Amino acid sequence: MNLAKPRRPLLRRRLVWAAAVAAVAVIAAALVFEPWKLVVDDRVDEAAPTVSAAAPAAPVGAAAPAVPAEPAVVARGTLISHEHESSGSVVLLRLADGSRVLRLENLQTSNGPALRVWLTDAPVIDGTDGWTVFDDGRYLDLGDLKGNIGSSNYPIPADADLTGLSSVSIWCERFHVSFAAAQLDPAA
């Protein structure tokens, strides 16, 4: 008489556990890598910033001071590709009211998880050597990238010290890598 138990229930339990572990791994990977962003673009088309503040009052009998109609360009740069093929330009603007805005123009890059716009003190380096330098020093996080295609504005806090912040990075917080970067050159 054979008293050995059949192995099928044990094999079935192992297969169920293996399937459950695989399902959890697939879900975790999807949450981390967000693969749908490879095929879904976020388009943005914000107009260049303007100030609609009233002109300062002039003394009686004096001409009203002229308020610049266009923001003043403080610095500008051209994006280079890092982790992902990218193009576009960046412009640092000072508005008539004294506020500052970083503007991304004609941006074309890949979408990705946790993309941020940073002003940094890091040099912009071509190639893979430049992908990870932006979180090594000082940076000012201007917030989430509004869209991976198009033009968008990023207000700079009034109390932010921009001294030494000479570059911009489209930074992926999830993987600690730059998608694209631009050296800011002072406007002439």
C-alpha atoms as a PDB file:
ATOM      1  CA  MET A   1       0.000   0.000   0.000  1.00  0.00           C
ATOM      2  CA  ASN A   2       1.370   3.394  -1.073  1.00  0.00           C
ATOM      3  CA  LEU A   3       0.948   6.088   1.606  1.00  0.00           C
ATOM      4  CA  ALA A   4       2.686   8.927  -0.285  1.00  0.00           C
ATOM      5  CA  LYS A   5       0.500  11.984  -0.815  1.00  0.00           C
ATOM      6  CA  PRO A   6       0.055  13.348  -4.297  1.00  0.00           C
ATOM      7  CA  ARG A   7       2.325  16.299  -5.129  1.00  0.00           C
ATOM      8  CA  ARG A   8      -0.182  18.228  -7.209  1.00  0.00           C
ATOM      9  CA  PRO A   9      -1.680  20.335  -4.359  1.00  0.00           C
ATOM     10  CA  LEU A  10       1.828  21.399  -3.267  1.00  0.00           C
ATOM     11  CA  LEU A  11       2.784  22.279  -6.837  1.00  0.00           C
ATOM     12  CA  ARG A  12      -0.464  24.200  -7.280  1.00  0.00           C
ATOM     13  CA  ARG A  13       0.164  26.212  -4.082  1.00  0.00           C
ATOM     14  CA  ARG A  14       3.673  27.089  -5.230  1.00  0.00           C
ATOM     15  CA  LEU A  15       2.356  28.224  -8.598  1.00  0.00           C
ATOM     16  CA  VAL A  16      -0.286  30.414  -6.918  1.00  0.00           C
ATOM     17  CA  TRP A  17       2.369  31.998  -4.679  1.00  0.00           C
ATOM     18  CA  ALA A  18       4.708  32.525  -7.633  1.00  0.00           C
ATOM     19  CA  ALA A  19       1.894  34.172  -9.615  1.00  0.00           C
ATOM     20  CA  ALA A  20       1.018  36.416  -6.673  1.00  0.00           C
ATOM     21  CA  VAL A  21       4.646  37.482  -6.201  1.00  0.00           C
ATOM     22  CA  ALA A  22       4.988  38.155  -9.938  1.00  0.00           C
ATOM     23  CA  ALA A  23       1.800  40.254  -9.946  1.00  0.00           C
ATOM     24  CA  VAL A  24       3.039  42.340  -7.009  1.00  0.00           C
ATOM     25  CA  ALA A  25       6.408  42.838  -8.760  1.00  0.00           C
ATOM     26  CA  VAL A  26       4.712  43.973 -11.990  1.00  0.00           C
ATOM     27  CA  ILE A  27       2.485  46.431 -10.108  1.00  0.00           C
ATOM     28  CA  ALA A  28       5.440  47.807  -8.116  1.00  0.00           C
ATOM     29  CA  ALA A  29       7.518  48.227 -11.287  1.00  0.00           C
ATOM     30  CA  ALA A  30       4.641  50.019 -13.010  1.00  0.00           C
ATOM     31  CA  LEU A  31       4.278  52.425 -10.088  1.00  0.00           C
ATOM     32  CA  VAL A  32       8.006  53.178 -10.038  1.00  0.00           C
ATOM     33  CA  PHE A  33       8.732  53.389 -13.769  1.00  0.00           C
ATOM     34  CA  GLU A  34       5.343  54.709 -14.973  1.00  0.00           C
ATOM     35  CA  PRO A  35       5.861  53.159 -18.442  1.00  0.00           C
ATOM     36  CA  TRP A  36       2.711  54.744 -19.881  1.00  0.00           C
ATOM     37  CA  LYS A  37       4.565  58.067 -19.842  1.00  0.00           C
ATOM     38  CA  LEU A  38       6.711  56.757 -22.705  1.00  0.00           C
ATOM     39  CA  VAL A  39       3.703  57.022 -24.993  1.00  0.00           C
ATOM     40  CA  VAL A  40       1.719  59.854 -23.359  1.00  0.00           C
ATOM     41  CA  ASP A  41       2.888  63.439 -23.846  1.00  0.00           C
ATOM     42  CA  ASP A  42       1.848  66.356 -21.638  1.00  0.00           C
ATOM     43  CA  ARG A  43       1.520  69.432 -23.852  1.00  0.00           C
ATOM     44  CA  VAL A  44       1.529  72.938 -22.421  1.00  0.00           C
ATOM     45  CA  ASP A  45       1.304  76.285 -24.204  1.00  0.00           C
ATOM     46  CA  GLU A  46       1.511  79.111 -21.670  1.00  0.00           C
ATOM     47  CA  ALA A  47       1.876  82.653 -22.951  1.00  0.00           C
ATOM     48  CA  ALA A  48       4.941  84.621 -21.926  1.00  0.00           C
ATOM     49  CA  PRO A  49       4.352  86.354 -18.594  1.00  0.00           C
ATOM     50  CA  THR A  50       3.251  89.962 -18.356  1.00  0.00           C
ATOM     51  CA  VAL A  51       2.419  92.271 -15.482  1.00  0.00           C
ATOM     52  CA  SER A  52      -0.935  93.968 -15.458  1.00  0.00           C
ATOM     53  CA  ALA A  53      -0.102  96.220 -12.528  1.00  0.00           C
ATOM     54  CA  ALA A  54      -1.026  99.874 -12.800  1.00  0.00           C
ATOM     55  CA  ALA A  55       1.744 102.371 -13.472  1.00  0.00           C
ATOM     56  CA  PRO A  56       3.054 104.141 -10.368  1.00  0.00           C
ATOM     57  CA  ALA A  57       1.390 107.457  -9.696  1.00  0.00           C
ATOM     58  CA  ALA A  58       3.328 110.503 -10.884  1.00  0.00           C
ATOM     59  CA  PRO A  59       3.460 113.765  -8.938  1.00  0.00           C
ATOM     60  CA  VAL A  60       0.908 116.342 -10.065  1.00  0.00           C
ATOM     61  CA  GLY A  61       2.093 118.021 -13.252  1.00  0.00           C
ATOM     62  CA  ALA A  62       4.764 115.381 -14.007  1.00  0.00           C
ATOM     63  CA  ALA A  63       4.572 112.808 -16.786  1.00  0.00           C
ATOM     64  CA  ALA A  64       3.720 109.274 -15.714  1.00  0.00           C
ATOM     65  CA  PRO A  65       6.773 107.007 -15.679  1.00  0.00           C
ATOM     66  CA  ALA A  66       6.902 104.468 -18.472  1.00  0.00           C
ATOM     67  CA  VAL A  67       6.272 100.873 -17.449  1.00  0.00           C
ATOM     68  CA  PRO A  68       8.030  98.362 -19.680  1.00  0.00           C
ATOM     69  CA  ALA A  69       5.482  96.433 -21.724  1.00  0.00           C
ATOM     70  CA  GLU A  70       7.700  93.366 -22.074  1.00  0.00           C
ATOM     71  CA  PRO A  71       9.618  91.507 -19.389  1.00  0.00           C
ATOM     72  CA  ALA A  72      13.375  92.091 -19.353  1.00  0.00           C
ATOM     73  CA  VAL A  73      15.549  89.120 -20.308  1.00  0.00           C
ATOM     74  CA  VAL A  74      18.092  88.534 -17.526  1.00  0.00           C
ATOM     75  CA  ALA A  75      19.677  85.347 -18.913  1.00  0.00           C
ATOM     76  CA  ARG A  76      19.027  82.684 -21.510  1.00  0.00           C
ATOM     77  CA  GLY A  77      20.270  79.275 -22.599  1.00  0.00           C
ATOM     78  CA  THR A  78      19.694  76.354 -24.932  1.00  0.00           C
ATOM     79  CA  LEU A  79      18.779  72.913 -23.607  1.00  0.00           C
ATOM     80  CA  ILE A  80      21.072  69.983 -24.314  1.00  0.00           C
ATOM     81  CA  SER A  81      20.064  66.336 -24.073  1.00  0.00           C
ATOM     82  CA  HIS A  82      21.066  64.250 -21.111  1.00  0.00           C
ATOM     83  CA  GLU A  83      19.200  61.044 -20.200  1.00  0.00           C
ATOM     84  CA  HIS A  84      16.561  61.698 -22.904  1.00  0.00           C
ATOM     85  CA  GLU A  85      16.701  63.406 -26.308  1.00  0.00           C
ATOM     86  CA  SER A  86      15.625  67.008 -25.656  1.00  0.00           C
ATOM     87  CA  SER A  87      15.530  70.452 -27.221  1.00  0.00           C
ATOM     88  CA  GLY A  88      14.241  73.924 -26.455  1.00  0.00           C
ATOM     89  CA  SER A  89      15.427  77.035 -24.676  1.00  0.00           C
ATOM     90  CA  VAL A  90      15.205  78.684 -21.266  1.00  0.00           C
ATOM     91  CA  VAL A  91      14.830  82.365 -20.467  1.00  0.00           C
ATOM     92  CA  LEU A  92      15.128  84.033 -17.068  1.00  0.00           C
ATOM     93  CA  LEU A  93      12.825  87.069 -17.055  1.00  0.00           C
ATOM     94  CA  ARG A  94      12.366  90.053 -14.741  1.00  0.00           C
ATOM     95  CA  LEU A  95       8.877  91.504 -14.920  1.00  0.00           C
ATOM     96  CA  ALA A  96       8.031  95.193 -14.496  1.00  0.00           C
ATOM     97  CA  ASP A  97       6.897  94.575 -10.915  1.00  0.00           C
ATOM     98  CA  GLY A  98      10.316  93.087 -10.057  1.00  0.00           C
ATOM     99  CA  SER A  99       9.149  89.479  -9.959  1.00  0.00           C
ATOM    100  CA  ARG A 100      11.181  86.831 -11.775  1.00  0.00           C
ATOM    101  CA  VAL A 101      10.081  83.931 -13.941  1.00  0.00           C
ATOM    102  CA  LEU A 102      11.949  81.085 -15.576  1.00  0.00           C
ATOM    103  CA  ARG A 103      10.380  80.289 -18.943  1.00  0.00           C
ATOM    104  CA  LEU A 104      10.886  77.074 -20.912  1.00  0.00           C
ATOM    105  CA  GLU A 105      10.239  77.674 -24.603  1.00  0.00           C
ATOM    106  CA  ASN A 106       9.556  75.093 -27.311  1.00  0.00           C
ATOM    107  CA  LEU A 107      10.521  72.241 -24.999  1.00  0.00           C
ATOM    108  CA  GLN A 108      10.638  68.771 -26.543  1.00  0.00           C
ATOM    109  CA  THR A 109      11.642  65.960 -24.194  1.00  0.00           C
ATOM    110  CA  SER A 110      10.428  62.599 -23.003  1.00  0.00           C
ATOM    111  CA  ASN A 111       7.774  62.431 -20.368  1.00  0.00           C
ATOM    112  CA  GLY A 112       8.792  60.762 -17.158  1.00  0.00           C
ATOM    113  CA  PRO A 113       7.992  60.238 -13.523  1.00  0.00           C
ATOM    114  CA  ALA A 114       8.608  63.019 -10.989  1.00  0.00           C
ATOM    115  CA  LEU A 115      10.118  65.572 -13.408  1.00  0.00           C
ATOM    116  CA  ARG A 116      11.066  68.878 -11.765  1.00  0.00           C
ATOM    117  CA  VAL A 117      12.480  72.206 -12.973  1.00  0.00           C
ATOM    118  CA  TRP A 118      15.624  73.244 -11.112  1.00  0.00           C
ATOM    119  CA  LEU A 119      17.877  76.300 -11.152  1.00  0.00           C
ATOM    120  CA  THR A 120      21.300  75.007 -10.072  1.00  0.00           C
ATOM    121  CA  ASP A 121      24.911  75.957  -9.482  1.00  0.00           C
ATOM    122  CA  ALA A 122      26.190  72.917 -11.402  1.00  0.00           C
ATOM    123  CA  PRO A 123      27.997  73.236 -14.714  1.00  0.00           C
ATOM    124  CA  VAL A 124      26.236  71.831 -17.765  1.00  0.00           C
ATOM    125  CA  ILE A 125      28.305  68.931 -19.052  1.00  0.00           C
ATOM    126  CA  ASP A 126      27.625  67.083 -22.310  1.00  0.00           C
ATOM    127  CA  GLY A 127      27.163  63.331 -22.277  1.00  0.00           C
ATOM    128  CA  THR A 128      26.595  60.889 -19.457  1.00  0.00           C
ATOM    129  CA  ASP A 129      29.065  62.701 -17.175  1.00  0.00           C
ATOM    130  CA  GLY A 130      26.535  65.529 -16.898  1.00  0.00           C
ATOM    131  CA  TRP A 131      23.481  63.433 -16.061  1.00  0.00           C
ATOM    132  CA  THR A 132      23.855  63.347 -12.278  1.00  0.00           C
ATOM    133  CA  VAL A 133      25.726  66.514 -11.224  1.00  0.00           C
ATOM    134  CA  PHE A 134      22.744  68.765 -10.513  1.00  0.00           C
ATOM    135  CA  ASP A 135      21.891  67.495  -7.043  1.00  0.00           C
ATOM    136  CA  ASP A 136      25.526  67.655  -5.892  1.00  0.00           C
ATOM    137  CA  GLY A 137      25.422  71.341  -5.001  1.00  0.00           C
ATOM    138  CA  ARG A 138      22.900  74.108  -4.510  1.00  0.00           C
ATOM    139  CA  TYR A 139      19.629  74.145  -6.411  1.00  0.00           C
ATOM    140  CA  LEU A 140      16.280  75.881  -6.339  1.00  0.00           C
ATOM    141  CA  ASP A 141      13.312  73.621  -7.101  1.00  0.00           C
ATOM    142  CA  LEU A 142      10.727  75.566  -9.133  1.00  0.00           C
ATOM    143  CA  GLY A 143       8.184  72.744  -9.114  1.00  0.00           C
ATOM    144  CA  ASP A 144       6.805  70.018 -11.325  1.00  0.00           C
ATOM    145  CA  LEU A 145       7.492  70.152 -15.056  1.00  0.00           C
ATOM    146  CA  LYS A 146       4.133  71.309 -16.431  1.00  0.00           C
ATOM    147  CA  GLY A 147       4.505  69.503 -19.740  1.00  0.00           C
ATOM    148  CA  ASN A 148       7.190  67.717 -21.695  1.00  0.00           C
ATOM    149  CA  ILE A 149       6.199  69.490 -24.919  1.00  0.00           C
ATOM    150  CA  GLY A 150       5.610  73.222 -25.321  1.00  0.00           C
ATOM    151  CA  SER A 151       6.266  76.458 -23.424  1.00  0.00           C
ATOM    152  CA  SER A 152       5.678  77.089 -19.719  1.00  0.00           C
ATOM    153  CA  ASN A 153       6.438  79.596 -16.954  1.00  0.00           C
ATOM    154  CA  TYR A 154       7.881  78.929 -13.491  1.00  0.00           C
ATOM    155  CA  PRO A 155       7.630  81.779 -10.966  1.00  0.00           C
ATOM    156  CA  ILE A 156      10.721  82.273  -8.826  1.00  0.00           C
ATOM    157  CA  PRO A 157      10.057  83.053  -5.154  1.00  0.00           C
ATOM    158  CA  ALA A 158      10.665  86.729  -4.362  1.00  0.00           C
ATOM    159  CA  ASP A 159      13.100  85.884  -1.562  1.00  0.00           C
ATOM    160  CA  ALA A 160      15.134  83.395  -3.631  1.00  0.00           C
ATOM    161  CA  ASP A 161      18.845  84.168  -3.881  1.00  0.00           C
ATOM    162  CA  LEU A 162      19.888  83.393  -7.447  1.00  0.00           C
ATOM    163  CA  THR A 163      23.554  84.186  -6.852  1.00  0.00           C
ATOM    164  CA  GLY A 164      25.619  81.406  -8.404  1.00  0.00           C
ATOM    165  CA  LEU A 165      22.630  79.575  -9.896  1.00  0.00           C
ATOM    166  CA  SER A 166      23.858  79.453 -13.465  1.00  0.00           C
ATOM    167  CA  SER A 167      22.073  76.493 -15.023  1.00  0.00           C
ATOM    168  CA  VAL A 168      18.680  74.846 -15.432  1.00  0.00           C
ATOM    169  CA  SER A 169      17.914  71.135 -15.282  1.00  0.00           C
ATOM    170  CA  ILE A 170      14.818  69.121 -16.109  1.00  0.00           C
ATOM    171  CA  TRP A 171      15.440  66.769 -13.193  1.00  0.00           C
ATOM    172  CA  CYS A 172      13.924  63.342 -12.597  1.00  0.00           C
ATOM    173  CA  GLU A 173      13.611  63.011  -8.825  1.00  0.00           C
ATOM    174  CA  ARG A 174      12.666  59.349  -9.032  1.00  0.00           C
ATOM    175  CA  PHE A 175      15.913  58.267 -10.709  1.00  0.00           C
ATOM    176  CA  HIS A 176      18.214  61.194  -9.778  1.00  0.00           C
ATOM    177  CA  VAL A 177      19.080  62.038 -13.362  1.00  0.00           C
ATOM    178  CA  SER A 178      18.841  65.077 -15.639  1.00  0.00           C
ATOM    179  CA  PHE A 179      16.676  64.697 -18.740  1.00  0.00           C
ATOM    180  CA  ALA A 180      18.009  67.987 -20.176  1.00  0.00           C
ATOM    181  CA  ALA A 181      19.974  71.028 -19.029  1.00  0.00           C
ATOM    182  CA  ALA A 182      20.936  74.542 -20.132  1.00  0.00           C
ATOM    183  CA  GLN A 183      23.707  76.903 -19.108  1.00  0.00           C
ATOM    184  CA  LEU A 184      22.272  80.364 -18.390  1.00  0.00           C
ATOM    185  CA  ASP A 185      24.220  83.125 -20.091  1.00  0.00           C
ATOM    186  CA  PRO A 186      23.572  86.705 -18.915  1.00  0.00           C
ATOM    187  CA  ALA A 187      21.685  88.822 -21.430  1.00  0.00           C
ATOM    188  CA  ALA A 188      23.683  91.510 -23.155  1.00  0.00           C
END
